[in-house]
Protein backbone atom coordinates (compact mmCIF):
# COMPACT_ATOMS: atom_id res chain seq x y z
CA MET A 1 -15.61 1.91 9.97
CA PRO A 2 -14.54 5.52 10.43
CA ARG A 3 -15.82 7.86 7.80
CA ALA A 4 -14.68 11.27 6.68
CA PRO A 5 -16.92 14.21 7.53
CA GLY A 6 -18.87 15.62 4.62
CA ARG A 7 -17.16 18.19 2.47
CA GLN A 8 -18.53 21.15 0.63
CA PRO A 9 -19.84 20.11 -2.80
CA ARG A 10 -17.65 20.86 -5.78
CA SER A 11 -18.77 22.09 -9.13
CA ALA A 12 -19.91 19.62 -11.76
CA VAL A 13 -17.46 18.45 -14.39
CA SER A 14 -17.84 18.49 -18.13
CA ALA A 15 -19.87 15.89 -19.97
CA PRO A 16 -18.33 12.40 -19.92
CA LEU A 17 -16.33 11.03 -22.78
CA GLY A 18 -18.52 9.41 -25.38
CA GLY A 19 -21.62 11.42 -24.54
CA PRO A 20 -23.76 11.56 -21.39
CA ARG A 21 -25.79 8.63 -20.16
CA HIS A 22 -26.45 9.10 -16.44
CA VAL A 23 -24.33 11.99 -15.18
CA VAL A 24 -24.26 12.63 -11.44
CA ASP A 25 -23.83 16.30 -10.44
CA GLN A 26 -22.31 17.28 -7.10
CA THR A 27 -23.77 20.76 -6.80
CA GLY A 28 -26.82 20.02 -4.66
CA GLU A 29 -27.42 19.55 -0.97
CA GLN A 30 -25.37 16.97 0.83
CA ALA A 31 -27.14 13.72 1.68
CA PRO A 32 -26.99 12.19 5.17
CA PRO A 33 -24.79 9.18 5.90
CA VAL A 34 -25.98 6.03 4.16
CA GLY A 35 -24.93 2.46 4.79
CA ALA A 36 -27.93 0.44 3.68
CA ALA A 37 -28.48 -1.79 0.69
CA HIS A 38 -30.16 -0.39 -2.39
CA GLY A 39 -31.75 -2.95 -4.67
CA GLY A 40 -28.93 -5.38 -4.08
CA PHE A 41 -26.22 -2.72 -4.29
CA HIS A 42 -24.52 -2.23 -0.97
CA MET A 43 -23.77 1.47 -0.61
CA VAL A 44 -21.03 2.69 1.70
CA PHE A 45 -20.14 6.35 1.50
CA GLY A 46 -17.01 8.24 2.37
CA MET A 47 -18.17 11.38 0.55
CA ARG A 48 -21.95 11.64 0.66
CA HIS A 49 -23.06 13.99 -2.11
CA HIS A 50 -26.36 12.84 -3.65
CA ALA A 51 -26.09 9.41 -2.07
CA GLU A 52 -29.69 8.35 -2.61
CA HIS A 53 -29.73 9.70 -6.16
CA ILE A 54 -26.56 7.80 -7.08
CA ALA A 55 -27.98 4.64 -5.54
CA ALA A 56 -31.13 4.96 -7.62
CA LEU A 57 -29.13 5.57 -10.79
CA ILE A 58 -26.95 2.52 -10.20
CA GLU A 59 -29.98 0.39 -9.42
CA ASN A 60 -31.82 1.56 -12.56
CA ALA A 61 -28.73 1.06 -14.69
CA GLY A 62 -28.32 -2.42 -13.28
CA ASP A 63 -31.81 -3.37 -14.38
CA ARG A 64 -30.68 -3.01 -17.97
CA VAL A 65 -27.75 -5.05 -19.21
CA GLY A 66 -25.10 -2.58 -20.33
CA GLY A 67 -26.47 0.33 -18.28
CA ALA A 68 -23.91 2.92 -17.23
CA VAL A 69 -23.52 5.50 -14.50
CA VAL A 70 -20.95 8.26 -14.90
CA VAL A 71 -19.74 9.61 -11.56
CA PRO A 72 -17.70 12.82 -11.65
CA GLY A 73 -16.00 12.08 -8.32
CA GLY A 74 -16.15 12.15 -4.55
CA ILE A 75 -18.40 9.14 -3.90
CA GLU A 76 -17.76 5.76 -2.38
CA ARG A 77 -20.29 3.23 -3.56
CA SER A 78 -20.75 -0.46 -4.08
CA VAL A 79 -22.18 -2.11 -7.14
CA GLY A 80 -24.16 -5.23 -7.93
CA ARG A 81 -25.26 -6.55 -11.30
CA HIS A 82 -25.03 -5.55 -14.97
CA VAL A 83 -23.69 -2.07 -14.31
CA THR A 84 -20.87 0.18 -15.47
CA VAL A 85 -19.43 2.83 -13.18
CA GLU A 86 -17.05 5.24 -14.84
CA HIS A 87 -15.51 8.63 -14.24
CA ALA A 88 -16.08 11.42 -16.72
CA ALA A 89 -12.31 11.38 -17.32
CA LEU A 90 -9.18 10.93 -15.26
CA ARG A 91 -8.29 14.56 -15.86
CA PHE A 92 -11.29 15.65 -13.79
CA GLU A 93 -11.81 15.57 -10.04
CA PRO A 94 -11.02 12.16 -8.48
CA CYS A 95 -12.88 10.54 -5.63
CA HIS A 96 -11.43 11.78 -2.33
CA GLY A 97 -12.07 10.83 1.28
CA LEU A 98 -11.42 8.51 4.18
CA GLY A 99 -12.88 5.10 3.34
CA VAL A 100 -13.67 6.05 -0.24
CA GLY A 101 -13.99 2.99 -2.50
CA VAL A 102 -16.14 0.77 -4.68
CA TYR A 103 -17.29 -2.63 -3.37
CA GLY A 104 -19.07 -5.57 -4.89
CA ASN A 105 -21.45 -7.63 -2.81
CA TYR A 106 -19.82 -9.94 -0.30
CA THR A 107 -20.15 -13.69 -0.63
CA PRO A 108 -21.90 -15.83 1.98
CA ALA A 109 -18.49 -16.57 3.50
CA ASN A 110 -18.46 -12.90 4.52
CA GLY A 111 -22.14 -12.61 5.35
CA GLY A 112 -23.24 -11.32 1.95
CA PRO A 113 -25.67 -12.50 -0.74
CA GLY A 114 -23.04 -13.51 -3.30
CA ALA A 115 -20.68 -11.88 -5.78
CA SER A 116 -21.80 -8.96 -7.88
CA THR A 117 -21.88 -9.88 -11.56
CA ASN A 118 -21.25 -8.23 -14.93
CA VAL A 119 -19.79 -5.06 -13.44
CA THR A 120 -17.46 -2.69 -15.28
CA LEU A 121 -15.41 -0.14 -13.35
CA LYS A 122 -13.36 2.16 -15.53
CA ASP A 123 -11.74 5.52 -16.08
CA PHE A 124 -11.79 7.02 -12.61
CA ALA A 125 -9.45 7.73 -9.72
CA ILE A 126 -9.73 7.14 -5.98
CA PHE A 127 -7.43 9.16 -3.73
CA GLY A 128 -8.07 7.96 -0.21
CA GLU A 129 -7.08 9.58 3.06
CA THR A 130 -6.14 6.48 5.03
CA THR A 131 -3.44 7.22 7.61
CA SER A 132 -2.93 3.84 9.28
CA ARG A 133 -3.29 0.13 8.66
CA VAL A 134 -5.99 -1.68 10.60
CA ASP A 135 -6.44 -5.08 9.01
CA SER A 136 -10.08 -5.42 10.10
CA ASP A 137 -11.11 -2.11 8.48
CA GLN A 138 -12.52 -2.25 4.96
CA VAL A 139 -10.93 0.94 3.71
CA ASN A 140 -9.74 -0.34 0.35
CA GLY A 141 -10.11 1.19 -3.08
CA ILE A 142 -12.01 -1.80 -4.50
CA GLY A 143 -13.39 -4.74 -2.55
CA GLY A 144 -16.07 -7.37 -2.12
CA ALA A 145 -16.60 -9.95 -4.86
CA LEU A 146 -16.98 -9.28 -8.60
CA THR A 147 -17.73 -12.09 -11.07
CA ASN A 148 -17.66 -11.72 -14.85
CA SER A 149 -16.38 -8.21 -14.28
CA THR A 150 -13.67 -5.81 -15.46
CA VAL A 151 -11.73 -3.03 -13.77
CA SER A 152 -9.83 -0.88 -16.26
CA ASN A 153 -7.90 2.37 -16.23
CA VAL A 154 -8.52 2.97 -12.52
CA TRP A 155 -6.00 4.94 -10.45
CA ILE A 156 -5.96 4.34 -6.67
CA GLU A 157 -3.73 5.91 -4.01
CA HIS A 158 -3.61 6.27 -0.21
CA THR A 159 -6.09 3.54 0.67
CA LYS A 160 -5.22 0.53 2.81
CA VAL A 161 -5.27 -1.91 -0.13
CA GLY A 162 -5.71 -1.04 -3.76
CA ALA A 163 -8.10 -3.96 -4.38
CA TRP A 164 -8.80 -6.68 -1.81
CA MET A 165 -11.10 -9.20 -3.43
CA ASP A 166 -12.85 -11.67 -1.11
CA GLY A 167 -14.07 -14.71 -3.06
CA PRO A 168 -15.33 -17.02 -4.17
CA MET A 169 -15.62 -15.22 -7.50
CA ASP A 170 -14.83 -16.01 -11.13
CA ARG A 171 -13.54 -14.21 -14.24
CA LEU A 172 -12.45 -10.85 -12.83
CA THR A 173 -9.95 -8.80 -14.86
CA PHE A 174 -7.90 -5.79 -13.82
CA THR A 175 -6.22 -4.06 -16.75
CA GLY A 176 -4.39 -0.78 -17.23
CA CYS A 177 -4.64 0.22 -13.56
CA ARG A 178 -2.33 2.26 -11.30
CA PHE A 179 -2.28 1.37 -7.61
CA LYS A 180 0.26 3.41 -5.65
CA ASN A 181 1.23 4.52 -2.13
CA LEU A 182 -0.78 2.01 -0.13
CA TYR A 183 -0.61 0.75 3.43
CA ALA A 184 -0.95 -2.91 2.48
CA ASP A 185 -1.30 -4.98 -0.72
CA GLY A 186 -1.70 -3.62 -4.21
CA VAL A 187 -4.14 -6.36 -5.29
CA ASN A 188 -5.01 -9.49 -3.31
CA PHE A 189 -7.09 -12.35 -4.73
CA HIS A 190 -8.26 -13.80 -1.43
CA ARG A 191 -10.00 -17.15 -1.12
CA GLY A 192 -11.54 -18.93 -4.08
CA VAL A 193 -10.77 -16.47 -6.87
CA THR A 194 -10.70 -18.32 -10.21
CA ASN A 195 -9.96 -17.61 -13.89
CA SER A 196 -9.00 -14.03 -13.06
CA THR A 197 -6.11 -11.77 -13.96
CA VAL A 198 -4.23 -8.57 -13.27
CA THR A 199 -2.49 -7.35 -16.42
CA ASN A 200 -0.76 -4.28 -17.84
CA SER A 201 -0.92 -2.49 -14.50
CA LEU A 202 1.47 -0.54 -12.27
CA ILE A 203 1.82 -1.31 -8.57
CA ARG A 204 4.20 1.01 -6.77
CA ASN A 205 5.00 1.58 -3.10
CA ALA A 206 2.60 -0.96 -1.63
CA GLY A 207 2.94 -1.54 2.10
CA ASP A 208 2.67 -5.32 1.69
CA ASP A 209 2.69 -7.74 -1.26
CA GLY A 210 2.34 -5.84 -4.51
CA LEU A 211 0.24 -8.57 -6.16
CA ALA A 212 -0.94 -11.59 -4.20
CA MET A 213 -3.12 -14.67 -4.45
CA TRP A 214 -4.00 -15.99 -1.00
CA SER A 215 -5.83 -19.33 -0.98
CA GLU A 216 -7.03 -19.15 2.58
CA SER A 217 -9.51 -22.02 3.14
CA THR A 218 -10.50 -22.16 -0.57
CA ALA A 219 -8.05 -22.47 -3.44
CA ASP A 220 -7.42 -19.69 -5.91
CA SER A 221 -6.98 -21.37 -9.27
CA ASN A 222 -6.31 -20.68 -12.94
CA ASN A 223 -5.33 -17.06 -12.32
CA THR A 224 -2.59 -14.99 -13.95
CA PHE A 225 -0.54 -11.91 -13.11
CA SER A 226 0.93 -10.74 -16.42
CA PHE A 227 2.67 -7.75 -18.02
CA ASN A 228 2.66 -5.73 -14.79
CA THR A 229 5.27 -3.42 -13.31
CA VAL A 230 5.68 -3.81 -9.54
CA GLN A 231 8.05 -1.41 -7.77
CA THR A 232 9.28 -0.61 -4.25
CA THR A 233 7.12 -2.81 -2.09
CA GLN A 234 7.86 -1.59 1.43
CA LEU A 235 7.18 -4.97 3.04
CA ALA A 236 6.89 -8.56 1.79
CA ASN A 237 7.02 -9.49 -1.91
CA GLY A 238 6.57 -7.94 -5.29
CA ILE A 239 4.38 -10.88 -6.37
CA ALA A 240 3.29 -13.68 -4.02
CA ILE A 241 1.27 -16.83 -4.60
CA TYR A 242 0.16 -18.47 -1.35
CA GLY A 243 -1.19 -21.94 -2.13
CA GLY A 244 -3.83 -22.68 -4.75
CA SER A 245 -3.49 -24.40 -8.11
CA ASN A 246 -2.55 -23.62 -11.70
CA ASN A 247 -1.63 -20.01 -11.00
CA ASN A 248 0.75 -18.19 -13.32
CA THR A 249 3.13 -15.24 -13.04
CA THR A 250 4.27 -14.17 -16.50
CA ASP A 251 5.93 -11.25 -18.28
CA ASN A 252 6.20 -8.94 -15.26
CA VAL A 253 8.93 -6.55 -14.16
CA VAL A 254 9.45 -6.54 -10.38
CA SER A 255 11.93 -4.09 -8.87
CA ASP A 256 13.26 -3.03 -5.47
CA THR A 257 11.70 -5.03 -2.69
CA MET A 258 12.53 -3.56 0.73
CA ARG A 259 11.84 -5.75 3.77
CA GLN A 260 10.89 -9.31 4.65
CA GLY A 261 10.28 -10.56 1.15
CA GLY A 262 11.57 -11.04 -2.37
CA GLY A 263 10.63 -10.35 -5.94
CA ILE A 264 8.47 -13.41 -6.78
CA HIS A 265 7.37 -15.89 -4.13
CA TYR A 266 5.47 -19.22 -4.32
CA ALA A 267 4.67 -20.75 -0.93
CA ASN A 268 2.50 -22.81 1.35
CA ARG A 269 2.02 -20.11 3.97
CA PHE A 270 -0.63 -18.30 6.00
CA SER A 271 -2.89 -21.37 6.31
CA SER A 272 -3.37 -21.52 2.57
CA VAL A 273 -4.72 -24.52 0.69
CA PRO A 274 -1.55 -26.39 -0.33
CA MET A 275 -0.19 -25.55 -3.75
CA ALA A 276 -1.23 -28.03 -6.45
CA GLY A 277 -1.52 -28.47 -10.20
CA THR A 278 0.87 -26.97 -12.75
CA ASN A 279 2.03 -23.43 -12.12
CA LEU A 280 4.12 -21.21 -14.39
CA ILE A 281 6.67 -18.47 -13.66
CA ALA A 282 7.80 -17.25 -17.07
CA ARG A 283 9.53 -14.34 -18.82
CA ASN A 284 9.73 -12.12 -15.74
CA VAL A 285 12.53 -9.70 -14.89
CA ILE A 286 13.40 -9.19 -11.22
CA ASN A 287 15.60 -6.17 -10.47
CA ARG A 288 17.19 -5.85 -7.03
CA GLY A 289 14.80 -8.36 -5.50
CA GLY A 290 15.10 -9.88 -2.05
CA CYS A 291 16.50 -8.45 1.16
CA LEU A 292 18.46 -9.19 4.29
CA ASP A 293 15.75 -10.26 6.71
CA GLU A 294 16.16 -8.49 10.03
CA ASN A 295 14.55 -11.36 11.95
CA TRP A 296 16.30 -14.26 10.24
CA ALA A 297 19.63 -12.43 9.90
CA PHE A 298 20.13 -14.02 6.49
CA GLY A 299 18.95 -13.26 3.00
CA VAL A 300 15.59 -13.73 1.31
CA GLY A 301 15.88 -14.61 -2.35
CA ALA A 302 14.81 -12.57 -5.34
CA LEU A 303 12.88 -15.71 -6.40
CA TRP A 304 11.97 -17.95 -3.49
CA PHE A 305 9.94 -21.01 -2.54
CA ASP A 306 8.73 -21.70 0.99
CA GLY A 307 7.06 -24.79 2.45
CA ARG A 308 6.29 -23.01 5.71
CA ASP A 309 2.97 -24.72 6.42
CA GLY A 310 4.01 -28.08 4.99
CA PRO A 311 5.73 -29.76 2.03
CA MET A 312 5.10 -28.19 -1.36
CA SER A 313 4.99 -30.68 -4.22
CA ALA A 314 3.12 -28.90 -7.00
CA THR A 315 4.66 -28.64 -10.46
CA ILE A 316 6.22 -25.20 -10.87
CA ASN A 317 7.88 -24.46 -14.21
CA VAL A 318 10.28 -21.51 -14.07
CA ASN A 319 11.00 -20.57 -17.69
CA ASP A 320 12.98 -17.77 -19.36
CA ASN A 321 13.37 -15.42 -16.39
CA VAL A 322 16.07 -12.84 -15.60
CA ILE A 323 17.29 -11.85 -12.13
CA ASN A 324 19.41 -8.69 -12.00
CA ASP A 325 21.44 -7.49 -8.99
CA SER A 326 19.64 -9.51 -6.34
CA MET A 327 20.10 -7.93 -2.94
CA GLN A 328 21.04 -11.30 -1.44
CA GLU A 329 20.73 -14.74 -3.06
CA ALA A 330 19.03 -15.01 -6.43
CA VAL A 331 17.07 -18.26 -5.79
CA HIS A 332 16.01 -19.52 -2.37
CA PHE A 333 14.34 -22.67 -0.99
CA ILE A 334 13.38 -22.77 2.69
CA ASP A 335 11.37 -24.64 5.38
CA SER A 336 9.58 -27.94 4.56
CA ALA A 337 10.42 -30.00 1.50
CA VAL A 338 9.87 -28.31 -1.86
CA THR A 339 9.76 -30.53 -4.93
CA GLY A 340 8.46 -30.27 -8.48
CA VAL A 341 10.32 -27.07 -9.45
CA THR A 342 12.05 -27.01 -12.85
CA PHE A 343 14.21 -24.11 -14.05
CA ASN A 344 14.70 -23.56 -17.76
CA ASN A 345 16.77 -20.68 -19.15
CA LEU A 346 17.36 -18.56 -16.05
CA GLN A 347 19.85 -15.67 -16.21
CA ILE A 348 21.34 -14.46 -12.92
CA ASN A 349 23.24 -11.22 -13.41
CA GLY A 350 24.87 -10.13 -10.16
CA THR A 351 24.05 -11.21 -6.60
CA GLY A 352 24.62 -9.77 -3.16
CA SER A 353 25.51 -13.20 -1.80
CA PHE A 354 24.82 -16.59 -3.42
CA ALA A 355 23.24 -17.69 -6.66
CA MET A 356 21.32 -20.47 -4.84
CA GLN A 357 20.47 -20.80 -1.15
CA PHE A 358 19.08 -24.18 -0.10
CA GLN A 359 17.50 -24.26 3.36
CA SER A 360 14.91 -26.96 2.78
CA THR A 361 14.89 -30.56 1.76
CA GLY A 362 13.38 -31.51 -1.58
CA SER A 363 14.67 -31.26 -5.10
CA ALA A 364 14.70 -29.20 -8.29
CA THR A 365 15.83 -29.55 -11.89
CA PHE A 366 18.08 -26.94 -13.53
CA ASN A 367 18.52 -26.49 -17.28
CA ASN A 368 20.55 -23.66 -18.83
CA VAL A 369 20.80 -21.68 -15.59
CA VAL A 370 23.68 -19.23 -15.98
CA ALA A 371 24.99 -17.02 -13.18
CA THR A 372 27.52 -14.20 -13.45
CA GLY A 373 28.69 -11.61 -10.95
CA VAL A 374 28.07 -13.88 -7.94
CA ALA A 375 29.41 -12.14 -4.83
CA LEU A 376 30.16 -15.17 -2.66
CA ALA A 377 29.54 -18.73 -3.84
CA GLY A 378 27.31 -20.48 -6.31
CA GLN A 379 25.44 -22.37 -3.61
CA TYR A 380 24.77 -22.11 0.09
CA ASP A 381 23.82 -25.60 1.29
CA CYS A 382 24.26 -27.14 4.73
CA LEU A 383 21.82 -29.97 4.05
CA GLY A 384 24.27 -32.39 2.44
CA SER A 385 22.12 -34.73 0.37
CA GLY A 386 18.94 -33.20 1.77
CA PHE A 387 18.22 -31.13 -1.34
CA GLY A 388 18.52 -32.98 -4.62
CA ILE A 389 19.78 -31.11 -7.67
CA THR A 390 19.18 -32.57 -11.11
CA GLN A 391 21.66 -30.97 -13.49
CA GLY A 392 20.55 -30.59 -17.07
CA THR A 393 22.67 -29.00 -19.78
CA GLY A 394 23.95 -25.45 -20.07
CA ASN A 395 24.39 -24.63 -16.38
CA SER A 396 27.31 -22.43 -15.32
CA GLY A 397 28.50 -20.01 -12.67
CA TRP A 398 26.69 -21.58 -9.72
CA ASN A 399 27.00 -25.36 -9.92
CA THR A 400 30.17 -25.47 -7.83
CA THR A 401 30.94 -27.16 -4.53
CA PRO A 402 28.38 -25.79 -2.05
CA PHE A 403 29.49 -23.56 0.78
CA CYS A 404 28.33 -24.39 4.30
CA GLY A 405 29.21 -22.15 7.21
CA ALA A 406 28.21 -19.05 9.05
CA PHE A 407 26.53 -16.36 7.02
CA PRO A 408 28.75 -13.35 6.40
CA ALA A 409 28.88 -10.81 9.18
CA VAL A 410 26.26 -8.10 8.91
CA PRO A 411 27.72 -4.60 8.57
CA ALA A 412 26.64 -1.76 10.79
CA ASP A 413 23.79 0.50 9.85
CA ARG A 414 24.71 3.25 7.42
CA GLY A 415 21.81 5.55 8.22
CA GLU A 416 19.33 7.17 5.86
CA LEU A 417 18.39 5.90 2.44
CA GLY A 418 20.13 7.72 -0.36
CA PHE A 419 17.09 8.75 -2.39
CA ASP A 420 13.63 10.24 -1.99
CA ALA A 421 10.90 7.61 -1.86
CA PRO A 422 7.20 8.25 -2.56
CA TYR A 423 6.56 7.94 1.18
CA ALA A 424 8.77 9.53 3.80
CA LEU A 425 10.94 6.67 5.06
CA LEU A 426 12.01 7.60 8.54
CA ASP A 427 14.88 5.81 10.27
CA VAL A 428 13.62 6.30 13.80
CA ASP A 429 15.91 5.82 16.78
CA VAL A 430 14.88 2.64 18.52
CA GLU A 431 16.79 -0.22 20.03
CA GLN A 432 18.85 -2.35 17.73
CA GLN A 433 17.26 -5.55 16.52
CA PRO A 434 18.94 -8.63 18.01
CA VAL A 435 20.80 -10.81 15.57
CA GLY A 436 20.32 -14.49 16.34
CA PRO A 437 22.74 -17.27 15.51
CA PRO A 438 22.73 -18.70 12.01
CA PRO A 439 21.11 -22.08 11.33
CA ALA A 440 23.06 -25.12 12.42
CA ALA A 441 25.85 -25.70 9.97
CA LYS A 442 28.39 -28.37 9.26
CA PRO A 443 31.96 -27.42 10.18
CA SER A 444 33.77 -25.60 7.44
CA THR A 445 37.26 -24.28 7.09
CA THR A 446 36.05 -21.77 4.54
CA SER A 447 35.09 -18.29 5.65
CA PHE A 448 34.14 -15.16 3.79
CA PRO A 449 35.34 -11.66 4.54
CA VAL A 450 32.86 -9.07 5.68
CA LEU A 451 31.28 -7.62 2.59
CA PRO A 452 31.56 -3.89 2.06
CA VAL A 453 28.34 -2.05 2.75
CA ARG A 454 26.53 -1.32 -0.45
CA ASP A 455 24.59 1.77 0.44
CA LEU A 456 21.52 2.64 -1.60
CA ALA A 457 23.16 6.03 -2.04
CA GLN A 458 25.39 4.29 -4.58
CA CYS A 459 22.36 3.62 -6.74
CA VAL A 460 21.10 6.27 -9.11
CA PHE A 461 17.35 6.27 -9.75
CA ASP A 462 15.27 8.14 -12.29
CA ASP A 463 11.89 9.76 -11.59
CA CYS A 464 10.14 6.44 -12.11
CA GLY A 465 12.21 4.60 -9.52
CA GLN A 466 14.29 2.69 -12.04
CA ARG A 467 18.00 2.26 -11.40
CA THR A 468 20.09 4.05 -14.01
CA ALA A 469 23.55 3.53 -12.51
CA GLY A 470 25.37 1.80 -9.69
CA PHE A 471 25.24 -1.69 -8.23
CA CYS A 472 22.76 -2.12 -5.41
CA GLY A 473 23.37 -5.64 -4.18
CA GLY A 474 25.10 -6.65 -0.97
CA PHE A 475 24.41 -7.15 2.68
CA PHE A 476 22.35 -4.47 4.37
CA ARG A 477 21.49 -4.17 8.01
CA ARG A 478 18.87 -1.81 9.28
CA THR A 479 19.38 -1.60 13.02
CA LYS A 480 16.56 0.88 13.39
CA LYS A 481 12.88 0.41 12.79
CA LEU A 482 11.53 1.55 9.44
CA ILE A 483 8.29 3.49 9.77
CA ILE A 484 6.21 4.47 6.78
CA LYS A 485 4.41 7.78 7.14
CA SER A 486 1.77 9.28 4.92
CA ASN A 487 -0.76 12.04 5.53
CA GLY A 488 0.32 12.40 9.12
CA GLY A 489 -0.18 8.77 10.11
CA SER A 490 2.22 5.94 10.69
CA HIS A 491 2.15 2.17 10.45
CA THR A 492 4.55 -0.49 11.55
CA SER A 493 3.38 -3.77 10.07
CA LYS A 494 3.13 -6.93 12.13
CA HIS A 495 3.95 -8.96 9.02
CA THR A 496 6.94 -11.22 9.62
CA THR A 497 8.78 -13.54 7.33
């Protein structure tokens, strides 16, 4: 992996909160590059001040349950067993550098000895200097495998991923964290992560899924994403669950997804272990979720279910959620058969197109699902009896005769976005993306007029990216490639819906 050149040492910070235990100074001579293992703690350095000394302190602390190392900043290091790594305070110097991060041991699946255990990471910041996305590079803020461990009050920016966790691992908790301005995911529980959670955290401006569980080859199970705020994901979904079992998404606020994804997504995709068990999506609010997919030339739902790799039959209970101003349809089913989904008490307040878009076979049950402000029709469905709807009580505003026909015409590009985003979003002149024909549809005498372009300039945002005025739904078409730039680099993701 590329590493940043060594920097001049900075002055030491004040004593850590709560009194000193092991305080690492940065005022001495710079150590040479280190990439070896130290007593079971794999050390990888972006900034190399006192590398050997820090390694020894972490190793010694790890020999005593509850040992702690306080690191003022500027070091990338990996941790192993029974150790706490904490910053003196977030107000002091954060860790800077290309490749800076903290990694647990890798599991045998990745050539390592097994997950680090009983690790606490807290009260520090990592400000990386990553300028491009290379999926094979481990340039993430936190990585490896951590079992029986906690990450709290950690602030990470400008790395590839905030935290990419390669399992198997068990009982890992992220709480009170801020992961912002990233080239890929905010947090990804990848392969065999169990009984773990991300809670009370902010994910903003991720370059891929904000929060994800990806059950590639081994199921993630019994995990929860709860009480998080996920904003402005530049690509893919606010929250995504790819396969696995008994995984819950509860009490989150997801706002403003941009391209090739929606607000909350449950799917059999990316060679994941098929979804199983009983899964819960409850008490979430999705604001302006979904998008007009530039490859499909139709909408992706604010809340959507996808049997891409094969039928999805797990129980998914969707309880007490709110969808506001969806960019396209509010709820979306697509690809292979999806069954086992039950909606209870869903509010849909404004859509850019349909309340429901059915593009898969299967079935779902709807109880007290109320839609208002629907732009086009309650349902888009060209499957006839292919998707079974069980109507409970209290449904209104969407349970009308389905529409089947061509999707509405896509308006021309309206140019630049109407607000300043955390990254510079550059609408670069390139060839227009081809628009393919819509899916095969039954003949229909019904047609919809071209919708007026709803430019993001009509939306008023506050400093935290929350809409304060204006309606932001409707059909958008970006006929130019969107490139995300940060720190002089650029990345165009190969992710496709």
